[in-house]
Amino acid sequence: MTNDVKEENAKVEQITIRVKGGDGAEIEFKIKNTTTMGKVQAAYAQKLGINKDTVRFKFDGAAVTMTQTPADLGLEDGDSIDAFVQQIGGCC
């Protein structure tokens, strides 16, 4: 292994994040800091039994894109992100 590969492997770490839904329920995910938030979105939606395209994330009040990674967002072990599920209809 070269030094560059060793350094790259050392930078990839696993963190635990919490995704908090509108009802206050939290689901924990253990992910690498290089995992895209799109993968987290898909796993979160699957656990709730909903379509992944109806889920949006926010971290510190800012919208999260599904191509961003925890490293891009500055997420640290134990951080929480907010999840919002799009609702269609619901009136009368």
PDB file of N, CA and C in Angstrom:
ATOM      1  N   MET A   1       0.838  -1.199   0.000  1.00  0.00           N
ATOM      2  CA  MET A   1       0.000   0.000   0.000  1.00  0.00           C
ATOM      3  C   MET A   1       0.871   1.247   0.000  1.00  0.00           C
ATOM      4  N   THR A   2       0.525   2.182  -0.790  1.00  0.00           N
ATOM      5  CA  THR A   2       1.286   3.419  -0.811  1.00  0.00           C
ATOM      6  C   THR A   2       0.816   4.316   0.318  1.00  0.00           C
ATOM      7  N   ASN A   3       1.578   5.334   0.596  1.00  0.00           N
ATOM      8  CA  ASN A   3       1.204   6.282   1.647  1.00  0.00           C
ATOM      9  C   ASN A   3      -0.076   7.020   1.309  1.00  0.00           C
ATOM     10  N   ASP A   4      -0.284   7.330   0.015  1.00  0.00           N
ATOM     11  CA  ASP A   4      -1.501   8.036  -0.389  1.00  0.00           C
ATOM     12  C   ASP A   4      -2.743   7.205  -0.094  1.00  0.00           C
ATOM     13  N   VAL A   5      -2.684   5.910  -0.384  1.00  0.00           N
ATOM     14  CA  VAL A   5      -3.823   5.026  -0.140  1.00  0.00           C
ATOM     15  C   VAL A   5      -4.065   4.893   1.360  1.00  0.00           C
ATOM     16  N   LYS A   6      -3.004   4.769   2.139  1.00  0.00           N
ATOM     17  CA  LYS A   6      -3.145   4.671   3.595  1.00  0.00           C
ATOM     18  C   LYS A   6      -3.780   5.929   4.163  1.00  0.00           C
ATOM     19  N   GLU A   7      -3.356   7.088   3.673  1.00  0.00           N
ATOM     20  CA  GLU A   7      -3.927   8.351   4.148  1.00  0.00           C
ATOM     21  C   GLU A   7      -5.397   8.454   3.783  1.00  0.00           C
ATOM     22  N   GLU A   8      -5.746   8.025   2.574  1.00  0.00           N
ATOM     23  CA  GLU A   8      -7.145   8.076   2.132  1.00  0.00           C
ATOM     24  C   GLU A   8      -8.007   7.165   3.005  1.00  0.00           C
ATOM     25  N   ASN A   9      -7.524   5.964   3.303  1.00  0.00           N
ATOM     26  CA  ASN A   9      -8.270   5.037   4.151  1.00  0.00           C
ATOM     27  C   ASN A   9      -8.422   5.572   5.565  1.00  0.00           C
ATOM     28  N   ALA A  10      -7.435   6.289   6.050  1.00  0.00           N
ATOM     29  CA  ALA A  10      -7.503   6.848   7.395  1.00  0.00           C
ATOM     30  C   ALA A  10      -8.553   7.954   7.475  1.00  0.00           C
ATOM     31  N   LYS A  11      -8.802   8.656   6.374  1.00  0.00           N
ATOM     32  CA  LYS A  11      -9.770   9.751   6.366  1.00  0.00           C
ATOM     33  C   LYS A  11     -11.210   9.246   6.357  1.00  0.00           C
ATOM     34  N   VAL A  12     -11.430   8.010   5.887  1.00  0.00           N
ATOM     35  CA  VAL A  12     -12.778   7.442   5.836  1.00  0.00           C
ATOM     36  C   VAL A  12     -13.085   6.876   7.215  1.00  0.00           C
ATOM     37  N   GLU A  13     -14.048   7.495   7.876  1.00  0.00           N
ATOM     38  CA  GLU A  13     -14.418   7.021   9.198  1.00  0.00           C
ATOM     39  C   GLU A  13     -15.919   6.793   9.251  1.00  0.00           C
ATOM     40  N   GLN A  14     -16.324   5.979  10.197  1.00  0.00           N
ATOM     41  CA  GLN A  14     -17.743   5.695  10.364  1.00  0.00           C
ATOM     42  C   GLN A  14     -18.289   6.572  11.487  1.00  0.00           C
ATOM     43  N   ILE A  15     -19.463   7.149  11.235  1.00  0.00           N
ATOM     44  CA  ILE A  15     -20.119   7.970  12.240  1.00  0.00           C
ATOM     45  C   ILE A  15     -21.559   7.495  12.408  1.00  0.00           C
ATOM     46  N   THR A  16     -22.143   7.867  13.525  1.00  0.00           N
ATOM     47  CA  THR A  16     -23.555   7.589  13.769  1.00  0.00           C
ATOM     48  C   THR A  16     -24.298   8.910  13.701  1.00  0.00           C
ATOM     49  N   ILE A  17     -25.335   8.959  12.864  1.00  0.00           N
ATOM     50  CA  ILE A  17     -26.173  10.155  12.792  1.00  0.00           C
ATOM     51  C   ILE A  17     -27.604   9.757  13.123  1.00  0.00           C
ATOM     52  N   ARG A  18     -28.369  10.730  13.559  1.00  0.00           N
ATOM     53  CA  ARG A  18     -29.780  10.506  13.853  1.00  0.00           C
ATOM     54  C   ARG A  18     -30.606  11.310  12.866  1.00  0.00           C
ATOM     55  N   VAL A  19     -31.621  10.666  12.307  1.00  0.00           N
ATOM     56  CA  VAL A  19     -32.561  11.351  11.430  1.00  0.00           C
ATOM     57  C   VAL A  19     -33.845  11.504  12.227  1.00  0.00           C
ATOM     58  N   LYS A  20     -34.227  12.758  12.441  1.00  0.00           N
ATOM     59  CA  LYS A  20     -35.384  13.062  13.281  1.00  0.00           C
ATOM     60  C   LYS A  20     -36.567  13.458  12.408  1.00  0.00           C
ATOM     61  N   GLY A  21     -37.662  12.713  12.541  1.00  0.00           N
ATOM     62  CA  GLY A  21     -38.868  12.985  11.773  1.00  0.00           C
ATOM     63  C   GLY A  21     -39.719  14.057  12.418  1.00  0.00           C
ATOM     64  N   GLY A  22     -40.751  14.474  11.714  1.00  0.00           N
ATOM     65  CA  GLY A  22     -41.649  15.514  12.198  1.00  0.00           C
ATOM     66  C   GLY A  22     -42.391  15.132  13.461  1.00  0.00           C
ATOM     67  N   ASP A  23     -42.541  13.820  13.696  1.00  0.00           N
ATOM     68  CA  ASP A  23     -43.232  13.352  14.895  1.00  0.00           C
ATOM     69  C   ASP A  23     -42.293  13.220  16.086  1.00  0.00           C
ATOM     70  N   GLY A  24     -41.025  13.565  15.896  1.00  0.00           N
ATOM     71  CA  GLY A  24     -40.044  13.509  16.974  1.00  0.00           C
ATOM     72  C   GLY A  24     -39.298  12.187  17.061  1.00  0.00           C
ATOM     73  N   ALA A  25     -39.743  11.189  16.311  1.00  0.00           N
ATOM     74  CA  ALA A  25     -39.073   9.886  16.326  1.00  0.00           C
ATOM     75  C   ALA A  25     -37.716   9.996  15.631  1.00  0.00           C
ATOM     76  N   GLU A  26     -36.723   9.325  16.205  1.00  0.00           N
ATOM     77  CA  GLU A  26     -35.380   9.349  15.638  1.00  0.00           C
ATOM     78  C   GLU A  26     -34.970   7.954  15.200  1.00  0.00           C
ATOM     79  N   ILE A  27     -34.299   7.888  14.068  1.00  0.00           N
ATOM     80  CA  ILE A  27     -33.728   6.635  13.582  1.00  0.00           C
ATOM     81  C   ILE A  27     -32.231   6.863  13.425  1.00  0.00           C
ATOM     82  N   GLU A  28     -31.434   5.961  13.993  1.00  0.00           N
ATOM     83  CA  GLU A  28     -29.983   6.082  13.908  1.00  0.00           C
ATOM     84  C   GLU A  28     -29.441   5.312  12.710  1.00  0.00           C
ATOM     85  N   PHE A  29     -28.437   5.904  12.098  1.00  0.00           N
ATOM     86  CA  PHE A  29     -27.744   5.265  10.986  1.00  0.00           C
ATOM     87  C   PHE A  29     -26.250   5.337  11.245  1.00  0.00           C
ATOM     88  N   LYS A  30     -25.559   4.215  11.052  1.00  0.00           N
ATOM     89  CA  LYS A  30     -24.101   4.188  11.106  1.00  0.00           C
ATOM     90  C   LYS A  30     -23.627   4.189   9.665  1.00  0.00           C
ATOM     91  N   ILE A  31     -22.941   5.256   9.302  1.00  0.00           N
ATOM     92  CA  ILE A  31     -22.524   5.432   7.911  1.00  0.00           C
ATOM     93  C   ILE A  31     -21.081   5.909   7.845  1.00  0.00           C
ATOM     94  N   LYS A  32     -20.478   5.729   6.680  1.00  0.00           N
ATOM     95  CA  LYS A  32     -19.151   6.289   6.440  1.00  0.00           C
ATOM     96  C   LYS A  32     -19.309   7.765   6.131  1.00  0.00           C
ATOM     97  N   ASN A  33     -18.287   8.539   6.411  1.00  0.00           N
ATOM     98  CA  ASN A  33     -18.373   9.974   6.122  1.00  0.00           C
ATOM     99  C   ASN A  33     -18.310  10.271   4.624  1.00  0.00           C
ATOM    100  N   THR A  34     -18.183   9.220   3.812  1.00  0.00           N
ATOM    101  CA  THR A  34     -18.184   9.379   2.354  1.00  0.00           C
ATOM    102  C   THR A  34     -19.497   8.901   1.718  1.00  0.00           C
ATOM    103  N   THR A  35     -20.427   8.409   2.528  1.00  0.00           N
ATOM    104  CA  THR A  35     -21.721   7.930   2.033  1.00  0.00           C
ATOM    105  C   THR A  35     -22.583   9.116   1.617  1.00  0.00           C
ATOM    106  N   THR A  36     -23.232   9.021   0.466  1.00  0.00           N
ATOM    107  CA  THR A  36     -24.091  10.132   0.048  1.00  0.00           C
ATOM    108  C   THR A  36     -25.364  10.145   0.881  1.00  0.00           C
ATOM    109  N   MET A  37     -25.917  11.329   1.048  1.00  0.00           N
ATOM    110  CA  MET A  37     -27.155  11.459   1.813  1.00  0.00           C
ATOM    111  C   MET A  37     -28.321  10.817   1.068  1.00  0.00           C
ATOM    112  N   GLY A  38     -28.171  10.611  -0.233  1.00  0.00           N
ATOM    113  CA  GLY A  38     -29.183   9.899  -1.002  1.00  0.00           C
ATOM    114  C   GLY A  38     -29.359   8.470  -0.509  1.00  0.00           C
ATOM    115  N   LYS A  39     -28.254   7.834  -0.110  1.00  0.00           N
ATOM    116  CA  LYS A  39     -28.341   6.478   0.435  1.00  0.00           C
ATOM    117  C   LYS A  39     -29.041   6.491   1.793  1.00  0.00           C
ATOM    118  N   VAL A  40     -28.766   7.506   2.587  1.00  0.00           N
ATOM    119  CA  VAL A  40     -29.434   7.639   3.887  1.00  0.00           C
ATOM    120  C   VAL A  40     -30.923   7.898   3.667  1.00  0.00           C
ATOM    121  N   GLN A  41     -31.229   8.750   2.700  1.00  0.00           N
ATOM    122  CA  GLN A  41     -32.624   9.059   2.367  1.00  0.00           C
ATOM    123  C   GLN A  41     -33.368   7.783   1.985  1.00  0.00           C
ATOM    124  N   ALA A  42     -32.776   6.958   1.144  1.00  0.00           N
ATOM    125  CA  ALA A  42     -33.414   5.718   0.699  1.00  0.00           C
ATOM    126  C   ALA A  42     -33.630   4.759   1.868  1.00  0.00           C
ATOM    127  N   ALA A  43     -32.639   4.641   2.744  1.00  0.00           N
ATOM    128  CA  ALA A  43     -32.770   3.751   3.902  1.00  0.00           C
ATOM    129  C   ALA A  43     -33.834   4.258   4.868  1.00  0.00           C
ATOM    130  N   TYR A  44     -33.869   5.571   5.076  1.00  0.00           N
ATOM    131  CA  TYR A  44     -34.874   6.176   5.961  1.00  0.00           C
ATOM    132  C   TYR A  44     -36.277   5.929   5.404  1.00  0.00           C
ATOM    133  N   ALA A  45     -36.458   6.172   4.129  1.00  0.00           N
ATOM    134  CA  ALA A  45     -37.767   5.971   3.501  1.00  0.00           C
ATOM    135  C   ALA A  45     -38.189   4.506   3.567  1.00  0.00           C
ATOM    136  N   GLN A  46     -37.238   3.608   3.367  1.00  0.00           N
ATOM    137  CA  GLN A  46     -37.550   2.182   3.417  1.00  0.00           C
ATOM    138  C   GLN A  46     -38.022   1.790   4.815  1.00  0.00           C
ATOM    139  N   LYS A  47     -37.362   2.307   5.853  1.00  0.00           N
ATOM    140  CA  LYS A  47     -37.772   1.996   7.225  1.00  0.00           C
ATOM    141  C   LYS A  47     -39.175   2.510   7.524  1.00  0.00           C
ATOM    142  N   LEU A  48     -39.545   3.635   6.909  1.00  0.00           N
ATOM    143  CA  LEU A  48     -40.876   4.198   7.131  1.00  0.00           C
ATOM    144  C   LEU A  48     -41.916   3.622   6.170  1.00  0.00           C
ATOM    145  N   GLY A  49     -41.453   2.925   5.139  1.00  0.00           N
ATOM    146  CA  GLY A  49     -42.360   2.354   4.156  1.00  0.00           C
ATOM    147  C   GLY A  49     -42.964   3.390   3.228  1.00  0.00           C
ATOM    148  N   ILE A  50     -42.160   4.411   2.894  1.00  0.00           N
ATOM    149  CA  ILE A  50     -42.629   5.481   2.017  1.00  0.00           C
ATOM    150  C   ILE A  50     -41.689   5.619   0.823  1.00  0.00           C
ATOM    151  N   ASN A  51     -42.100   6.391  -0.167  1.00  0.00           N
ATOM    152  CA  ASN A  51     -41.287   6.658  -1.347  1.00  0.00           C
ATOM    153  C   ASN A  51     -40.146   7.603  -0.969  1.00  0.00           C
ATOM    154  N   LYS A  52     -38.930   7.249  -1.358  1.00  0.00           N
ATOM    155  CA  LYS A  52     -37.767   8.076  -0.998  1.00  0.00           C
ATOM    156  C   LYS A  52     -37.841   9.485  -1.577  1.00  0.00           C
ATOM    157  N   ASP A  53     -38.549   9.645  -2.681  1.00  0.00           N
ATOM    158  CA  ASP A  53     -38.637  10.960  -3.317  1.00  0.00           C
ATOM    159  C   ASP A  53     -39.512  11.941  -2.547  1.00  0.00           C
ATOM    160  N   THR A  54     -40.204  11.462  -1.516  1.00  0.00           N
ATOM    161  CA  THR A  54     -41.051  12.350  -0.708  1.00  0.00           C
ATOM    162  C   THR A  54     -40.328  12.855   0.535  1.00  0.00           C
ATOM    163  N   VAL A  55     -39.064  12.451   0.713  1.00  0.00           N
ATOM    164  CA  VAL A  55     -38.300  12.814   1.914  1.00  0.00           C
ATOM    165  C   VAL A  55     -37.291  13.910   1.589  1.00  0.00           C
ATOM    166  N   ARG A  56     -37.225  14.910   2.461  1.00  0.00           N
ATOM    167  CA  ARG A  56     -36.236  15.990   2.355  1.00  0.00           C
ATOM    168  C   ARG A  56     -35.510  16.097   3.690  1.00  0.00           C
ATOM    169  N   PHE A  57     -34.210  16.396   3.636  1.00  0.00           N
ATOM    170  CA  PHE A  57     -33.408  16.555   4.844  1.00  0.00           C
ATOM    171  C   PHE A  57     -32.959  17.999   5.002  1.00  0.00           C
ATOM    172  N   LYS A  58     -32.814  18.405   6.267  1.00  0.00           N
ATOM    173  CA  LYS A  58     -32.198  19.689   6.595  1.00  0.00           C
ATOM    174  C   LYS A  58     -31.200  19.461   7.722  1.00  0.00           C
ATOM    175  N   PHE A  59     -30.091  20.189   7.651  1.00  0.00           N
ATOM    176  CA  PHE A  59     -29.090  20.153   8.714  1.00  0.00           C
ATOM    177  C   PHE A  59     -28.771  21.587   9.086  1.00  0.00           C
ATOM    178  N   ASP A  60     -28.942  21.914  10.337  1.00  0.00           N
ATOM    179  CA  ASP A  60     -28.747  23.287  10.829  1.00  0.00           C
ATOM    180  C   ASP A  60     -29.564  24.288  10.020  1.00  0.00           C
ATOM    181  N   GLY A  61     -30.773  23.893   9.629  1.00  0.00           N
ATOM    182  CA  GLY A  61     -31.685  24.786   8.919  1.00  0.00           C
ATOM    183  C   GLY A  61     -31.457  24.901   7.427  1.00  0.00           C
ATOM    184  N   ALA A  62     -30.388  24.288   6.928  1.00  0.00           N
ATOM    185  CA  ALA A  62     -30.081  24.370   5.492  1.00  0.00           C
ATOM    186  C   ALA A  62     -30.478  23.073   4.800  1.00  0.00           C
ATOM    187  N   ALA A  63     -31.002  23.207   3.584  1.00  0.00           N
ATOM    188  CA  ALA A  63     -31.392  22.032   2.805  1.00  0.00           C
ATOM    189  C   ALA A  63     -30.172  21.171   2.490  1.00  0.00           C
ATOM    190  N   VAL A  64     -30.373  19.867   2.537  1.00  0.00           N
ATOM    191  CA  VAL A  64     -29.322  18.903   2.232  1.00  0.00           C
ATOM    192  C   VAL A  64     -29.615  18.308   0.859  1.00  0.00           C
ATOM    193  N   THR A  65     -28.620  18.315  -0.023  1.00  0.00           N
ATOM    194  CA  THR A  65     -28.802  17.663  -1.322  1.00  0.00           C
ATOM    195  C   THR A  65     -28.398  16.200  -1.185  1.00  0.00           C
ATOM    196  N   MET A  66     -28.971  15.379  -2.018  1.00  0.00           N
ATOM    197  CA  MET A  66     -28.744  13.944  -1.895  1.00  0.00           C
ATOM    198  C   MET A  66     -27.382  13.499  -2.404  1.00  0.00           C
ATOM    199  N   THR A  67     -26.626  14.408  -3.014  1.00  0.00           N
ATOM    200  CA  THR A  67     -25.272  14.074  -3.458  1.00  0.00           C
ATOM    201  C   THR A  67     -24.226  14.456  -2.415  1.00  0.00           C
ATOM    202  N   GLN A  68     -24.632  15.196  -1.392  1.00  0.00           N
ATOM    203  CA  GLN A  68     -23.697  15.590  -0.340  1.00  0.00           C
ATOM    204  C   GLN A  68     -23.384  14.399   0.561  1.00  0.00           C
ATOM    205  N   THR A  69     -22.241  14.483   1.204  1.00  0.00           N
ATOM    206  CA  THR A  69     -21.821  13.458   2.156  1.00  0.00           C
ATOM    207  C   THR A  69     -21.748  14.080   3.544  1.00  0.00           C
ATOM    208  N   PRO A  70     -21.673  13.254   4.596  1.00  0.00           N
ATOM    209  CA  PRO A  70     -21.489  13.815   5.936  1.00  0.00           C
ATOM    210  C   PRO A  70     -20.246  14.700   6.022  1.00  0.00           C
ATOM    211  N   ALA A  71     -19.192  14.320   5.307  1.00  0.00           N
ATOM    212  CA  ALA A  71     -17.973  15.138   5.301  1.00  0.00           C
ATOM    213  C   ALA A  71     -18.245  16.506   4.683  1.00  0.00           C
ATOM    214  N   ASP A  72     -19.027  16.536   3.592  1.00  0.00           N
ATOM    215  CA  ASP A  72     -19.375  17.805   2.944  1.00  0.00           C
ATOM    216  C   ASP A  72     -20.145  18.715   3.897  1.00  0.00           C
ATOM    217  N   LEU A  73     -21.026  18.103   4.689  1.00  0.00           N
ATOM    218  CA  LEU A  73     -21.904  18.870   5.580  1.00  0.00           C
ATOM    219  C   LEU A  73     -21.251  19.215   6.912  1.00  0.00           C
ATOM    220  N   GLY A  74     -20.124  18.592   7.197  1.00  0.00           N
ATOM    221  CA  GLY A  74     -19.480  18.809   8.486  1.00  0.00           C
ATOM    222  C   GLY A  74     -20.168  18.047   9.613  1.00  0.00           C
ATOM    223  N   LEU A  75     -20.879  16.973   9.256  1.00  0.00           N
ATOM    224  CA  LEU A  75     -21.547  16.160  10.274  1.00  0.00           C
ATOM    225  C   LEU A  75     -20.508  15.439  11.118  1.00  0.00           C
ATOM    226  N   GLU A  76     -20.782  15.379  12.403  1.00  0.00           N
ATOM    227  CA  GLU A  76     -19.908  14.668  13.322  1.00  0.00           C
ATOM    228  C   GLU A  76     -20.687  13.548  13.981  1.00  0.00           C
ATOM    229  N   ASP A  77     -19.985  12.633  14.598  1.00  0.00           N
ATOM    230  CA  ASP A  77     -20.621  11.508  15.267  1.00  0.00           C
ATOM    231  C   ASP A  77     -21.654  12.005  16.277  1.00  0.00           C
ATOM    232  N   GLY A  78     -22.885  11.496  16.162  1.00  0.00           N
ATOM    233  CA  GLY A  78     -23.951  11.868  17.089  1.00  0.00           C
ATOM    234  C   GLY A  78     -24.819  13.024  16.633  1.00  0.00           C
ATOM    235  N   ASP A  79     -24.484  13.667  15.509  1.00  0.00           N
ATOM    236  CA  ASP A  79     -25.297  14.788  15.009  1.00  0.00           C
ATOM    237  C   ASP A  79     -26.663  14.304  14.538  1.00  0.00           C
ATOM    238  N   SER A  80     -27.623  15.229  14.536  1.00  0.00           N
ATOM    239  CA  SER A  80     -28.978  14.942  14.063  1.00  0.00           C
ATOM    240  C   SER A  80     -29.294  15.787  12.844  1.00  0.00           C
ATOM    241  N   ILE A  81     -30.048  15.196  11.926  1.00  0.00           N
ATOM    242  CA  ILE A  81     -30.589  15.949  10.805  1.00  0.00           C
ATOM    243  C   ILE A  81     -32.105  15.819  10.853  1.00  0.00           C
ATOM    244  N   ASP A  82     -32.785  16.798  10.329  1.00  0.00           N
ATOM    245  CA  ASP A  82     -34.245  16.807  10.330  1.00  0.00           C
ATOM    246  C   ASP A  82     -34.763  16.258   9.013  1.00  0.00           C
ATOM    247  N   ALA A  83     -35.803  15.435   9.106  1.00  0.00           N
ATOM    248  CA  ALA A  83     -36.433  14.864   7.918  1.00  0.00           C
ATOM    249  C   ALA A  83     -37.843  15.406   7.784  1.00  0.00           C
ATOM    250  N   PHE A  84     -38.190  15.745   6.571  1.00  0.00           N
ATOM    251  CA  PHE A  84     -39.529  16.239   6.268  1.00  0.00           C
ATOM    252  C   PHE A  84     -40.111  15.365   5.167  1.00  0.00           C
ATOM    253  N   VAL A  85     -41.337  14.896   5.400  1.00  0.00           N
ATOM    254  CA  VAL A  85     -42.009  14.058   4.416  1.00  0.00           C
ATOM    255  C   VAL A  85     -43.073  14.894   3.733  1.00  0.00           C
ATOM    256  N   GLN A  86     -42.999  14.947   2.412  1.00  0.00           N
ATOM    257  CA  GLN A  86     -43.955  15.709   1.610  1.00  0.00           C
ATOM    258  C   GLN A  86     -45.332  15.079   1.744  1.00  0.00           C
ATOM    259  N   GLN A  87     -46.322  15.930   1.982  1.00  0.00           N
ATOM    260  CA  GLN A  87     -47.694  15.450   2.075  1.00  0.00           C
ATOM    261  C   GLN A  87     -48.476  15.929   0.863  1.00  0.00           C
ATOM    262  N   ILE A  88     -49.256  15.041   0.319  1.00  0.00           N
ATOM    263  CA  ILE A  88     -50.083  15.382  -0.834  1.00  0.00           C
ATOM    264  C   ILE A  88     -51.536  15.306  -0.400  1.00  0.00           C
ATOM    265  N   GLY A  89     -52.272  16.363  -0.674  1.00  0.00           N
ATOM    266  CA  GLY A  89     -53.687  16.400  -0.281  1.00  0.00           C
ATOM    267  C   GLY A  89     -53.822  16.656   1.202  1.00  0.00           C
ATOM    268  N   GLY A  90     -54.901  16.184   1.787  1.00  0.00           N
ATOM    269  CA  GLY A  90     -55.067  16.313   3.223  1.00  0.00           C
ATOM    270  C   GLY A  90     -56.103  17.331   3.634  1.00  0.00           C
ATOM    271  N   CYS A  91     -56.744  17.969   2.708  1.00  0.00           N
ATOM    272  CA  CYS A  91     -57.752  18.961   3.057  1.00  0.00           C
ATOM    273  C   CYS A  91     -59.143  18.375   2.857  1.00  0.00           C
ATOM    274  N   CYS A  92     -59.999  18.707   3.757  1.00  0.00           N
ATOM    275  CA  CYS A  92     -61.424  18.355   3.714  1.00  0.00           C
ATOM    276  C   CYS A  92     -61.666  17.019   3.126  1.00  0.00           C
TER     277      CYS A  92
END
